[in-house]
C-alpha cells in the first residue's frame, strides 16, 4: 500500500558529468543533497518522506564538520542514517556519495518514460 523509492549514487556531479565542489566537503555535501532532492522530486517524493540514508565519505571527520549542511534538507523527524568512510569513490576528487530510501503513497508516484 506504499511505494518504496530507492535513490543511490548521488554525488556532486553536474548534468554534464563534471564534478562540482572539487576539494571541498561542504560544497560537495550541499550539491549532493541538492541532487538527491532532484531525484526525489522526479518521482514525486520529498525529503520529508526519506526514511533511511547511507552516506559514503572519504573523510568522516571532515564530513561531520560539515554535516550541518544536511539540516537544510533533512528535517525532523530525521531518517535513520549510516555514515561510512571509504578509501575512494567513483571519480577522482569525489568526497561524498549519498543514497536514500523514501516511502510515499502510491498516488504520488511520478513515472517518467
PDB file of N, CA and C in Angstrom:
ATOM      1  N   UNK A   1       0.802  -1.200   0.000  1.00  0.00           N
ATOM      2  CA  UNK A   1       0.000   0.000   0.000  1.00  0.00           C
ATOM      3  C   UNK A   1       0.842   1.259   0.000  1.00  0.00           C
ATOM      4  N   UNK A   2       2.158   1.130  -0.057  1.00  0.00           N
ATOM      5  CA  UNK A   2       3.069   2.263  -0.185  1.00  0.00           C
ATOM      6  C   UNK A   2       4.132   1.939  -1.224  1.00  0.00           C
ATOM      7  N   UNK A   3       4.735   2.965  -1.756  1.00  0.00           N
ATOM      8  CA  UNK A   3       5.791   2.802  -2.751  1.00  0.00           C
ATOM      9  C   UNK A   3       7.127   3.130  -2.098  1.00  0.00           C
ATOM     10  N   UNK A   4       8.092   2.242  -2.260  1.00  0.00           N
ATOM     11  CA  UNK A   4       9.447   2.481  -1.760  1.00  0.00           C
ATOM     12  C   UNK A   4      10.280   3.044  -2.905  1.00  0.00           C
ATOM     13  N   UNK A   5      10.928   4.157  -2.646  1.00  0.00           N
ATOM     14  CA  UNK A   5      11.790   4.828  -3.620  1.00  0.00           C
ATOM     15  C   UNK A   5      13.235   4.644  -3.161  1.00  0.00           C
ATOM     16  N   UNK A   6      14.081   4.172  -4.047  1.00  0.00           N
ATOM     17  CA  UNK A   6      15.499   3.994  -3.732  1.00  0.00           C
ATOM     18  C   UNK A   6      16.313   4.895  -4.653  1.00  0.00           C
ATOM     19  N   UNK A   7      17.068   5.789  -4.061  1.00  0.00           N
ATOM     20  CA  UNK A   7      17.930   6.695  -4.817  1.00  0.00           C
ATOM     21  C   UNK A   7      19.359   6.383  -4.385  1.00  0.00           C
ATOM     22  N   UNK A   8      20.185   5.975  -5.334  1.00  0.00           N
ATOM     23  CA  UNK A   8      21.561   5.645  -4.969  1.00  0.00           C
ATOM     24  C   UNK A   8      22.543   6.407  -5.848  1.00  0.00           C
ATOM     25  N   UNK A   9      23.763   6.460  -5.364  1.00  0.00           N
ATOM     26  CA  UNK A   9      24.836   7.039  -6.162  1.00  0.00           C
ATOM     27  C   UNK A   9      24.739   8.530  -6.398  1.00  0.00           C
ATOM     28  N   UNK A  10      24.080   9.281  -5.520  1.00  0.00           N
ATOM     29  CA  UNK A  10      24.010  10.724  -5.708  1.00  0.00           C
ATOM     30  C   UNK A  10      25.296  11.343  -5.198  1.00  0.00           C
ATOM     31  N   UNK A  11      25.859  12.187  -6.021  1.00  0.00           N
ATOM     32  CA  UNK A  11      27.115  12.873  -5.715  1.00  0.00           C
ATOM     33  C   UNK A  11      26.971  14.332  -6.131  1.00  0.00           C
ATOM     34  N   UNK A  12      28.092  15.043  -6.179  1.00  0.00           N
ATOM     35  CA  UNK A  12      28.051  16.450  -6.591  1.00  0.00           C
ATOM     36  C   UNK A  12      28.323  16.617  -8.087  1.00  0.00           C
ATOM     37  N   UNK A  13      28.065  15.569  -8.853  1.00  0.00           N
ATOM     38  CA  UNK A  13      28.232  15.686 -10.305  1.00  0.00           C
ATOM     39  C   UNK A  13      27.134  16.560 -10.896  1.00  0.00           C
ATOM     40  N   UNK A  14      27.517  17.330 -11.881  1.00  0.00           N
ATOM     41  CA  UNK A  14      26.582  18.188 -12.602  1.00  0.00           C
ATOM     42  C   UNK A  14      25.982  17.419 -13.771  1.00  0.00           C
ATOM     43  N   UNK A  15      24.989  17.991 -14.435  1.00  0.00           N
ATOM     44  CA  UNK A  15      24.335  17.319 -15.559  1.00  0.00           C
ATOM     45  C   UNK A  15      25.301  16.958 -16.672  1.00  0.00           C
ATOM     46  N   UNK A  16      26.342  17.743 -16.857  1.00  0.00           N
ATOM     47  CA  UNK A  16      27.307  17.447 -17.917  1.00  0.00           C
ATOM     48  C   UNK A  16      28.320  16.380 -17.501  1.00  0.00           C
ATOM     49  N   UNK A  17      28.186  15.848 -16.274  1.00  0.00           N
ATOM     50  CA  UNK A  17      29.071  14.792 -15.798  1.00  0.00           C
ATOM     51  C   UNK A  17      30.284  15.276 -15.036  1.00  0.00           C
ATOM     52  N   UNK A  18      30.524  16.576 -15.053  1.00  0.00           N
ATOM     53  CA  UNK A  18      31.677  17.107 -14.338  1.00  0.00           C
ATOM     54  C   UNK A  18      31.404  17.125 -12.834  1.00  0.00           C
ATOM     55  N   UNK A  19      32.467  17.122 -12.063  1.00  0.00           N
ATOM     56  CA  UNK A  19      32.364  17.121 -10.613  1.00  0.00           C
ATOM     57  C   UNK A  19      32.462  18.543 -10.097  1.00  0.00           C
ATOM     58  N   UNK A  20      31.453  18.968  -9.342  1.00  0.00           N
ATOM     59  CA  UNK A  20      31.449  20.312  -8.764  1.00  0.00           C
ATOM     60  C   UNK A  20      31.965  20.241  -7.330  1.00  0.00           C
ATOM     61  N   UNK A  21      32.433  21.367  -6.823  1.00  0.00           N
ATOM     62  CA  UNK A  21      32.886  21.425  -5.439  1.00  0.00           C
ATOM     63  C   UNK A  21      34.193  20.715  -5.185  1.00  0.00           C
ATOM     64  N   UNK A  22      35.029  20.625  -6.181  1.00  0.00           N
ATOM     65  CA  UNK A  22      36.305  19.908  -6.045  1.00  0.00           C
ATOM     66  C   UNK A  22      37.079  20.413  -4.832  1.00  0.00           C
ATOM     67  N   UNK A  23      37.512  19.483  -3.988  1.00  0.00           N
ATOM     68  CA  UNK A  23      38.345  19.827  -2.853  1.00  0.00           C
ATOM     69  C   UNK A  23      37.609  20.332  -1.636  1.00  0.00           C
ATOM     70  N   UNK A  24      36.283  20.430  -1.688  1.00  0.00           N
ATOM     71  CA  UNK A  24      35.549  20.977  -0.561  1.00  0.00           C
ATOM     72  C   UNK A  24      34.395  20.084  -0.143  1.00  0.00           C
ATOM     73  N   UNK A  25      34.505  19.474   1.028  1.00  0.00           N
ATOM     74  CA  UNK A  25      33.448  18.593   1.526  1.00  0.00           C
ATOM     75  C   UNK A  25      32.132  19.357   1.682  1.00  0.00           C
ATOM     76  N   UNK A  26      32.173  20.568   2.231  1.00  0.00           N
ATOM     77  CA  UNK A  26      30.938  21.328   2.457  1.00  0.00           C
ATOM     78  C   UNK A  26      30.203  21.573   1.141  1.00  0.00           C
ATOM     79  N   UNK A  27      30.917  22.016   0.131  1.00  0.00           N
ATOM     80  CA  UNK A  27      30.286  22.283  -1.169  1.00  0.00           C
ATOM     81  C   UNK A  27      29.762  20.995  -1.790  1.00  0.00           C
ATOM     82  N   UNK A  28      30.536  19.928  -1.706  1.00  0.00           N
ATOM     83  CA  UNK A  28      30.085  18.667  -2.289  1.00  0.00           C
ATOM     84  C   UNK A  28      28.883  18.105  -1.525  1.00  0.00           C
ATOM     85  N   UNK A  29      28.861  18.256  -0.218  1.00  0.00           N
ATOM     86  CA  UNK A  29      27.728  17.774   0.564  1.00  0.00           C
ATOM     87  C   UNK A  29      26.458  18.517   0.182  1.00  0.00           C
ATOM     88  N   UNK A  30      26.534  19.835   0.061  1.00  0.00           N
ATOM     89  CA  UNK A  30      25.356  20.628  -0.316  1.00  0.00           C
ATOM     90  C   UNK A  30      24.877  20.229  -1.717  1.00  0.00           C
ATOM     91  N   UNK A  31      25.785  20.139  -2.661  1.00  0.00           N
ATOM     92  CA  UNK A  31      25.401  19.790  -4.034  1.00  0.00           C
ATOM     93  C   UNK A  31      24.861  18.367  -4.110  1.00  0.00           C
ATOM     94  N   UNK A  32      25.420  17.475  -3.334  1.00  0.00           N
ATOM     95  CA  UNK A  32      24.932  16.100  -3.303  1.00  0.00           C
ATOM     96  C   UNK A  32      23.509  16.071  -2.773  1.00  0.00           C
ATOM     97  N   UNK A  33      23.235  16.789  -1.698  1.00  0.00           N
ATOM     98  CA  UNK A  33      21.871  16.861  -1.158  1.00  0.00           C
ATOM     99  C   UNK A  33      20.924  17.486  -2.183  1.00  0.00           C
ATOM    100  N   UNK A  34      21.360  18.498  -2.890  1.00  0.00           N
ATOM    101  CA  UNK A  34      20.523  19.091  -3.938  1.00  0.00           C
ATOM    102  C   UNK A  34      20.199  18.059  -5.011  1.00  0.00           C
ATOM    103  N   UNK A  35      21.193  17.243  -5.379  1.00  0.00           N
ATOM    104  CA  UNK A  35      20.974  16.209  -6.389  1.00  0.00           C
ATOM    105  C   UNK A  35      20.055  15.108  -5.875  1.00  0.00           C
ATOM    106  N   UNK A  36      20.135  14.774  -4.599  1.00  0.00           N
ATOM    107  CA  UNK A  36      19.186  13.829  -4.003  1.00  0.00           C
ATOM    108  C   UNK A  36      17.781  14.411  -4.123  1.00  0.00           C
ATOM    109  N   UNK A  37      17.632  15.685  -3.800  1.00  0.00           N
ATOM    110  CA  UNK A  37      16.325  16.342  -3.889  1.00  0.00           C
ATOM    111  C   UNK A  37      15.749  16.303  -5.290  1.00  0.00           C
ATOM    112  N   UNK A  38      16.586  16.520  -6.291  1.00  0.00           N
ATOM    113  CA  UNK A  38      16.118  16.467  -7.683  1.00  0.00           C
ATOM    114  C   UNK A  38      15.644  15.069  -8.052  1.00  0.00           C
ATOM    115  N   UNK A  39      16.368  14.052  -7.596  1.00  0.00           N
ATOM    116  CA  UNK A  39      15.972  12.673  -7.886  1.00  0.00           C
ATOM    117  C   UNK A  39      14.647  12.337  -7.197  1.00  0.00           C
ATOM    118  N   UNK A  40      14.500  12.761  -5.953  1.00  0.00           N
ATOM    119  CA  UNK A  40      13.243  12.523  -5.231  1.00  0.00           C
ATOM    120  C   UNK A  40      12.092  13.223  -5.927  1.00  0.00           C
ATOM    121  N   UNK A  41      12.288  14.472  -6.273  1.00  0.00           N
ATOM    122  CA  UNK A  41      11.239  15.262  -6.921  1.00  0.00           C
ATOM    123  C   UNK A  41      10.802  14.627  -8.241  1.00  0.00           C
ATOM    124  N   UNK A  42      11.746  14.050  -8.966  1.00  0.00           N
ATOM    125  CA  UNK A  42      11.433  13.452 -10.263  1.00  0.00           C
ATOM    126  C   UNK A  42      10.420  12.320 -10.160  1.00  0.00           C
ATOM    127  N   UNK A  43      10.341  11.680  -9.001  1.00  0.00           N
ATOM    128  CA  UNK A  43       9.388  10.574  -8.830  1.00  0.00           C
ATOM    129  C   UNK A  43       8.235  10.928  -7.893  1.00  0.00           C
ATOM    130  N   UNK A  44       8.158  12.187  -7.467  1.00  0.00           N
ATOM    131  CA  UNK A  44       7.047  12.640  -6.647  1.00  0.00           C
ATOM    132  C   UNK A  44       7.279  12.574  -5.152  1.00  0.00           C
ATOM    133  N   UNK A  45       8.521  12.439  -4.725  1.00  0.00           N
ATOM    134  CA  UNK A  45       8.845  12.359  -3.293  1.00  0.00           C
ATOM    135  C   UNK A  45       9.575  13.623  -2.852  1.00  0.00           C
ATOM    136  N   UNK A  46       9.675  13.786  -1.534  1.00  0.00           N
ATOM    137  CA  UNK A  46      10.413  14.904  -0.954  1.00  0.00           C
ATOM    138  C   UNK A  46      11.318  14.369   0.150  1.00  0.00           C
ATOM    139  N   UNK A  47      12.144  15.233   0.687  1.00  0.00           N
ATOM    140  CA  UNK A  47      12.999  14.847   1.808  1.00  0.00           C
ATOM    141  C   UNK A  47      12.168  14.401   3.016  1.00  0.00           C
ATOM    142  N   UNK A  48      10.965  14.912   3.146  1.00  0.00           N
ATOM    143  CA  UNK A  48      10.111  14.552   4.283  1.00  0.00           C
ATOM    144  C   UNK A  48       9.753  13.070   4.276  1.00  0.00           C
ATOM    145  N   UNK A  49       9.770  12.437   3.117  1.00  0.00           N
ATOM    146  CA  UNK A  49       9.441  11.007   3.026  1.00  0.00           C
ATOM    147  C   UNK A  49      10.652  10.093   3.138  1.00  0.00           C
ATOM    148  N   UNK A  50      11.838  10.665   3.255  1.00  0.00           N
ATOM    149  CA  UNK A  50      13.052   9.831   3.362  1.00  0.00           C
ATOM    150  C   UNK A  50      13.082   9.172   4.738  1.00  0.00           C
ATOM    151  N   UNK A  51      13.246   7.852   4.732  1.00  0.00           N
ATOM    152  CA  UNK A  51      13.263   7.100   5.983  1.00  0.00           C
ATOM    153  C   UNK A  51      14.640   6.541   6.317  1.00  0.00           C
ATOM    154  N   UNK A  52      15.561   6.538   5.336  1.00  0.00           N
ATOM    155  CA  UNK A  52      16.886   5.967   5.583  1.00  0.00           C
ATOM    156  C   UNK A  52      17.902   6.606   4.650  1.00  0.00           C
ATOM    157  N   UNK A  53      19.083   6.880   5.177  1.00  0.00           N
ATOM    158  CA  UNK A  53      20.190   7.376   4.352  1.00  0.00           C
ATOM    159  C   UNK A  53      21.441   6.546   4.618  1.00  0.00           C
ATOM    160  N   UNK A  54      22.225   6.372   3.583  1.00  0.00           N
ATOM    161  CA  UNK A  54      23.577   5.821   3.692  1.00  0.00           C
ATOM    162  C   UNK A  54      24.508   6.844   3.062  1.00  0.00           C
ATOM    163  N   UNK A  55      25.500   7.256   3.811  1.00  0.00           N
ATOM    164  CA  UNK A  55      26.457   8.250   3.327  1.00  0.00           C
ATOM    165  C   UNK A  55      27.835   7.626   3.292  1.00  0.00           C
ATOM    166  N   UNK A  56      28.511   7.788   2.177  1.00  0.00           N
ATOM    167  CA  UNK A  56      29.870   7.298   1.997  1.00  0.00           C
ATOM    168  C   UNK A  56      30.766   8.516   1.827  1.00  0.00           C
ATOM    169  N   UNK A  57      31.755   8.646   2.685  1.00  0.00           N
ATOM    170  CA  UNK A  57      32.651   9.811   2.644  1.00  0.00           C
ATOM    171  C   UNK A  57      34.095   9.336   2.692  1.00  0.00           C
ATOM    172  N   UNK A  58      34.948  10.076   2.014  1.00  0.00           N
ATOM    173  CA  UNK A  58      36.362   9.725   2.030  1.00  0.00           C
ATOM    174  C   UNK A  58      37.065  10.198   3.297  1.00  0.00           C
ATOM    175  N   UNK A  59      36.417  11.074   4.059  1.00  0.00           N
ATOM    176  CA  UNK A  59      36.967  11.571   5.329  1.00  0.00           C
ATOM    177  C   UNK A  59      35.804  11.852   6.272  1.00  0.00           C
ATOM    178  N   UNK A  60      35.539  10.908   7.189  1.00  0.00           N
ATOM    179  CA  UNK A  60      34.394  11.075   8.087  1.00  0.00           C
ATOM    180  C   UNK A  60      34.544  12.261   9.017  1.00  0.00           C
ATOM    181  N   UNK A  61      35.754  12.544   9.477  1.00  0.00           N
ATOM    182  CA  UNK A  61      35.939  13.708  10.351  1.00  0.00           C
ATOM    183  C   UNK A  61      35.517  14.984   9.639  1.00  0.00           C
ATOM    184  N   UNK A  62      35.943  15.135   8.396  1.00  0.00           N
ATOM    185  CA  UNK A  62      35.573  16.323   7.620  1.00  0.00           C
ATOM    186  C   UNK A  62      34.062  16.325   7.329  1.00  0.00           C
ATOM    187  N   UNK A  63      33.515  15.166   7.037  1.00  0.00           N
ATOM    188  CA  UNK A  63      32.069  15.067   6.815  1.00  0.00           C
ATOM    189  C   UNK A  63      31.310  15.566   8.041  1.00  0.00           C
ATOM    190  N   UNK A  64      31.687  15.101   9.233  1.00  0.00           N
ATOM    191  CA  UNK A  64      30.969  15.511  10.443  1.00  0.00           C
ATOM    192  C   UNK A  64      31.163  16.998  10.742  1.00  0.00           C
ATOM    193  N   UNK A  65      32.298  17.585  10.343  1.00  0.00           N
ATOM    194  CA  UNK A  65      32.480  19.029  10.493  1.00  0.00           C
ATOM    195  C   UNK A  65      31.502  19.807   9.610  1.00  0.00           C
ATOM    196  N   UNK A  66      31.099  19.203   8.508  1.00  0.00           N
ATOM    197  CA  UNK A  66      30.229  19.879   7.539  1.00  0.00           C
ATOM    198  C   UNK A  66      28.793  19.363   7.551  1.00  0.00           C
ATOM    199  N   UNK A  67      28.497  18.404   8.406  1.00  0.00           N
ATOM    200  CA  UNK A  67      27.196  17.732   8.340  1.00  0.00           C
ATOM    201  C   UNK A  67      26.007  18.644   8.653  1.00  0.00           C
ATOM    202  N   UNK A  68      26.272  19.833   9.183  1.00  0.00           N
ATOM    203  CA  UNK A  68      25.175  20.784   9.403  1.00  0.00           C
ATOM    204  C   UNK A  68      24.506  21.179   8.083  1.00  0.00           C
ATOM    205  N   UNK A  69      25.205  21.011   6.970  1.00  0.00           N
ATOM    206  CA  UNK A  69      24.605  21.293   5.650  1.00  0.00           C
ATOM    207  C   UNK A  69      23.351  20.462   5.432  1.00  0.00           C
ATOM    208  N   UNK A  70      23.327  19.248   5.977  1.00  0.00           N
ATOM    209  CA  UNK A  70      22.174  18.356   5.811  1.00  0.00           C
ATOM    210  C   UNK A  70      20.903  18.942   6.419  1.00  0.00           C
ATOM    211  N   UNK A  71      21.066  19.798   7.420  1.00  0.00           N
ATOM    212  CA  UNK A  71      19.901  20.353   8.124  1.00  0.00           C
ATOM    213  C   UNK A  71      19.007  21.195   7.202  1.00  0.00           C
ATOM    214  N   UNK A  72      19.556  21.708   6.121  1.00  0.00           N
ATOM    215  CA  UNK A  72      18.745  22.461   5.167  1.00  0.00           C
ATOM    216  C   UNK A  72      17.857  21.540   4.331  1.00  0.00           C
ATOM    217  N   UNK A  73      18.117  20.246   4.380  1.00  0.00           N
ATOM    218  CA  UNK A  73      17.397  19.289   3.546  1.00  0.00           C
ATOM    219  C   UNK A  73      16.601  18.276   4.371  1.00  0.00           C
ATOM    220  N   UNK A  74      17.247  17.671   5.336  1.00  0.00           N
ATOM    221  CA  UNK A  74      16.614  16.652   6.169  1.00  0.00           C
ATOM    222  C   UNK A  74      16.108  17.306   7.449  1.00  0.00           C
ATOM    223  N   UNK A  75      14.796  17.245   7.674  1.00  0.00           N
ATOM    224  CA  UNK A  75      14.153  17.875   8.832  1.00  0.00           C
ATOM    225  C   UNK A  75      13.621  16.799   9.778  1.00  0.00           C
ATOM    226  N   UNK A  76      13.200  17.234  10.947  1.00  0.00           N
ATOM    227  CA  UNK A  76      12.597  16.321  11.928  1.00  0.00           C
ATOM    228  C   UNK A  76      11.271  15.783  11.378  1.00  0.00           C
ATOM    229  N   UNK A  77      10.964  14.545  11.600  1.00  0.00           N
ATOM    230  CA  UNK A  77      11.819  13.549  12.232  1.00  0.00           C
ATOM    231  C   UNK A  77      12.889  13.086  11.252  1.00  0.00           C
ATOM    232  N   UNK A  78      14.113  13.046  11.718  1.00  0.00           N
ATOM    233  CA  UNK A  78      15.229  12.672  10.860  1.00  0.00           C
ATOM    234  C   UNK A  78      15.163  11.194  10.476  1.00  0.00           C
ATOM    235  N   UNK A  79      15.599  10.876   9.267  1.00  0.00           N
ATOM    236  CA  UNK A  79      15.637   9.465   8.870  1.00  0.00           C
ATOM    237  C   UNK A  79      16.774   8.740   9.599  1.00  0.00           C
ATOM    238  N   UNK A  80      16.701   7.429   9.642  1.00  0.00           N
ATOM    239  CA  UNK A  80      17.843   6.681  10.146  1.00  0.00           C
ATOM    240  C   UNK A  80      19.008   6.970   9.215  1.00  0.00           C
ATOM    241  N   UNK A  81      20.214   6.900   9.752  1.00  0.00           N
ATOM    242  CA  UNK A  81      21.359   7.339   8.964  1.00  0.00           C
ATOM    243  C   UNK A  81      22.591   6.511   9.286  1.00  0.00           C
ATOM    244  N   UNK A  82      23.270   6.088   8.240  1.00  0.00           N
ATOM    245  CA  UNK A  82      24.534   5.388   8.377  1.00  0.00           C
ATOM    246  C   UNK A  82      25.589   6.193   7.633  1.00  0.00           C
ATOM    247  N   UNK A  83      26.750   6.364   8.236  1.00  0.00           N
ATOM    248  CA  UNK A  83      27.871   7.042   7.582  1.00  0.00           C
ATOM    249  C   UNK A  83      29.067   6.099   7.613  1.00  0.00           C
ATOM    250  N   UNK A  84      29.710   5.942   6.462  1.00  0.00           N
ATOM    251  CA  UNK A  84      30.826   5.022   6.315  1.00  0.00           C
ATOM    252  C   UNK A  84      31.979   5.744   5.631  1.00  0.00           C
ATOM    253  N   UNK A  85      33.173   5.561   6.156  1.00  0.00           N
ATOM    254  CA  UNK A  85      34.347   6.112   5.479  1.00  0.00           C
ATOM    255  C   UNK A  85      34.861   5.085   4.477  1.00  0.00           C
ATOM    256  N   UNK A  86      35.161   5.571   3.277  1.00  0.00           N
ATOM    257  CA  UNK A  86      35.684   4.721   2.210  1.00  0.00           C
ATOM    258  C   UNK A  86      37.002   5.304   1.719  1.00  0.00           C
ATOM    259  N   UNK A  87      37.818   4.469   1.107  1.00  0.00           N
ATOM    260  CA  UNK A  87      39.122   4.952   0.652  1.00  0.00           C
ATOM    261  C   UNK A  87      39.014   5.826  -0.589  1.00  0.00           C
ATOM    262  N   UNK A  88      38.004   5.578  -1.417  1.00  0.00           N
ATOM    263  CA  UNK A  88      37.763   6.428  -2.581  1.00  0.00           C
ATOM    264  C   UNK A  88      36.380   6.162  -3.124  1.00  0.00           C
ATOM    265  N   UNK A  89      35.926   7.086  -3.971  1.00  0.00           N
ATOM    266  CA  UNK A  89      34.638   6.951  -4.636  1.00  0.00           C
ATOM    267  C   UNK A  89      34.862   6.852  -6.138  1.00  0.00           C
ATOM    268  N   UNK A  90      33.812   6.890  -6.915  1.00  0.00           N
ATOM    269  CA  UNK A  90      33.872   6.568  -8.339  1.00  0.00           C
ATOM    270  C   UNK A  90      34.770   7.474  -9.179  1.00  0.00           C
ATOM    271  N   UNK A  91      34.879   8.739  -8.814  1.00  0.00           N
ATOM    272  CA  UNK A  91      35.683   9.677  -9.609  1.00  0.00           C
ATOM    273  C   UNK A  91      36.770  10.290  -8.737  1.00  0.00           C
ATOM    274  N   UNK A  92      37.927  10.559  -9.303  1.00  0.00           N
ATOM    275  CA  UNK A  92      38.947  11.279  -8.539  1.00  0.00           C
ATOM    276  C   UNK A  92      38.394  12.628  -8.072  1.00  0.00           C
ATOM    277  N   UNK A  93      38.632  12.959  -6.825  1.00  0.00           N
ATOM    278  CA  UNK A  93      38.146  14.222  -6.278  1.00  0.00           C
ATOM    279  C   UNK A  93      36.778  14.141  -5.633  1.00  0.00           C
ATOM    280  N   UNK A  94      36.068  13.049  -5.851  1.00  0.00           N
ATOM    281  CA  UNK A  94      34.747  12.874  -5.254  1.00  0.00           C
ATOM    282  C   UNK A  94      34.929  12.560  -3.772  1.00  0.00           C
ATOM    283  N   UNK A  95      34.262  13.330  -2.914  1.00  0.00           N
ATOM    284  CA  UNK A  95      34.437  13.186  -1.471  1.00  0.00           C
ATOM    285  C   UNK A  95      33.248  12.545  -0.772  1.00  0.00           C
ATOM    286  N   UNK A  96      32.070  12.572  -1.401  1.00  0.00           N
ATOM    287  CA  UNK A  96      30.859  12.097  -0.725  1.00  0.00           C
ATOM    288  C   UNK A  96      29.856  11.528  -1.717  1.00  0.00           C
ATOM    289  N   UNK A  97      29.126  10.529  -1.257  1.00  0.00           N
ATOM    290  CA  UNK A  97      28.044   9.926  -2.029  1.00  0.00           C
ATOM    291  C   UNK A  97      26.938   9.571  -1.038  1.00  0.00           C
ATOM    292  N   UNK A  98      25.703   9.844  -1.427  1.00  0.00           N
ATOM    293  CA  UNK A  98      24.569   9.571  -0.546  1.00  0.00           C
ATOM    294  C   UNK A  98      23.526   8.754  -1.296  1.00  0.00           C
ATOM    295  N   UNK A  99      22.976   7.763  -0.589  1.00  0.00           N
ATOM    296  CA  UNK A  99      21.817   7.044  -1.101  1.00  0.00           C
ATOM    297  C   UNK A  99      20.706   7.153  -0.066  1.00  0.00           C
ATOM    298  N   UNK A 100      19.463   7.168  -0.549  1.00  0.00           N
ATOM    299  CA  UNK A 100      18.325   7.309   0.357  1.00  0.00           C
ATOM    300  C   UNK A 100      17.214   6.338  -0.027  1.00  0.00           C
ATOM    301  N   UNK A 101      16.369   6.063   0.955  1.00  0.00           N
ATOM    302  CA  UNK A 101      15.135   5.326   0.730  1.00  0.00           C
ATOM    303  C   UNK A 101      13.995   6.202   1.230  1.00  0.00           C
ATOM    304  N   UNK A 102      12.982   6.334   0.410  1.00  0.00           N
ATOM    305  CA  UNK A 102      11.805   7.116   0.778  1.00  0.00           C
ATOM    306  C   UNK A 102      10.566   6.242   0.600  1.00  0.00           C
ATOM    307  N   UNK A 103       9.528   6.550   1.343  1.00  0.00           N
ATOM    308  CA  UNK A 103       8.263   5.830   1.221  1.00  0.00           C
ATOM    309  C   UNK A 103       7.163   6.857   0.973  1.00  0.00           C
ATOM    310  N   UNK A 104       6.391   6.637  -0.121  1.00  0.00           N
ATOM    311  CA  UNK A 104       5.317   7.568  -0.464  1.00  0.00           C
ATOM    312  C   UNK A 104       4.028   6.808  -0.742  1.00  0.00           C
ATOM    313  N   UNK A 105       2.934   7.546  -0.748  1.00  0.00           N
ATOM    314  CA  UNK A 105       1.633   6.987  -1.127  1.00  0.00           C
ATOM    315  C   UNK A 105       1.673   6.665  -2.625  1.00  0.00           C
ATOM    316  N   UNK A 106       1.053   5.578  -3.055  1.00  0.00           N
ATOM    317  CA  UNK A 106       1.093   5.178  -4.477  1.00  0.00           C
ATOM    318  C   UNK A 106       0.617   6.264  -5.440  1.00  0.00           C
ATOM    319  N   UNK A 107      -0.390   7.044  -5.053  1.00  0.00           N
ATOM    320  CA  UNK A 107      -0.925   8.075  -5.933  1.00  0.00           C
ATOM    321  C   UNK A 107       0.049   9.225  -6.193  1.00  0.00           C
ATOM    322  N   UNK A 108       1.103   9.315  -5.405  1.00  0.00           N
ATOM    323  CA  UNK A 108       2.073  10.411  -5.580  1.00  0.00           C
ATOM    324  C   UNK A 108       3.207  10.049  -6.528  1.00  0.00           C
ATOM    325  N   UNK A 109       3.348   8.759  -6.847  1.00  0.00           N
ATOM    326  CA  UNK A 109       4.451   8.302  -7.696  1.00  0.00           C
ATOM    327  C   UNK A 109       4.343   8.887  -9.101  1.00  0.00           C
ATOM    328  N   UNK A 110       5.417   9.529  -9.547  1.00  0.00           N
ATOM    329  CA  UNK A 110       5.518  10.029 -10.922  1.00  0.00           C
ATOM    330  C   UNK A 110       6.343   9.032 -11.713  1.00  0.00           C
ATOM    331  N   UNK A 111       5.796   8.528 -12.778  1.00  0.00           N
ATOM    332  CA  UNK A 111       6.521   7.596 -13.622  1.00  0.00           C
ATOM    333  C   UNK A 111       6.884   8.341 -14.883  1.00  0.00           C
ATOM    334  N   UNK A 112       8.164   8.354 -15.189  1.00  0.00           N
ATOM    335  CA  UNK A 112       8.619   9.031 -16.397  1.00  0.00           C
ATOM    336  C   UNK A 112       8.980   7.984 -17.432  1.00  0.00           C
ATOM    337  N   UNK A 113       8.747   8.295 -18.662  1.00  0.00           N
ATOM    338  CA  UNK A 113       9.102   7.294 -19.653  1.00  0.00           C
ATOM    339  C   UNK A 113       8.832   7.675 -21.028  1.00  0.00           C
TER     340      UNK A 113
END
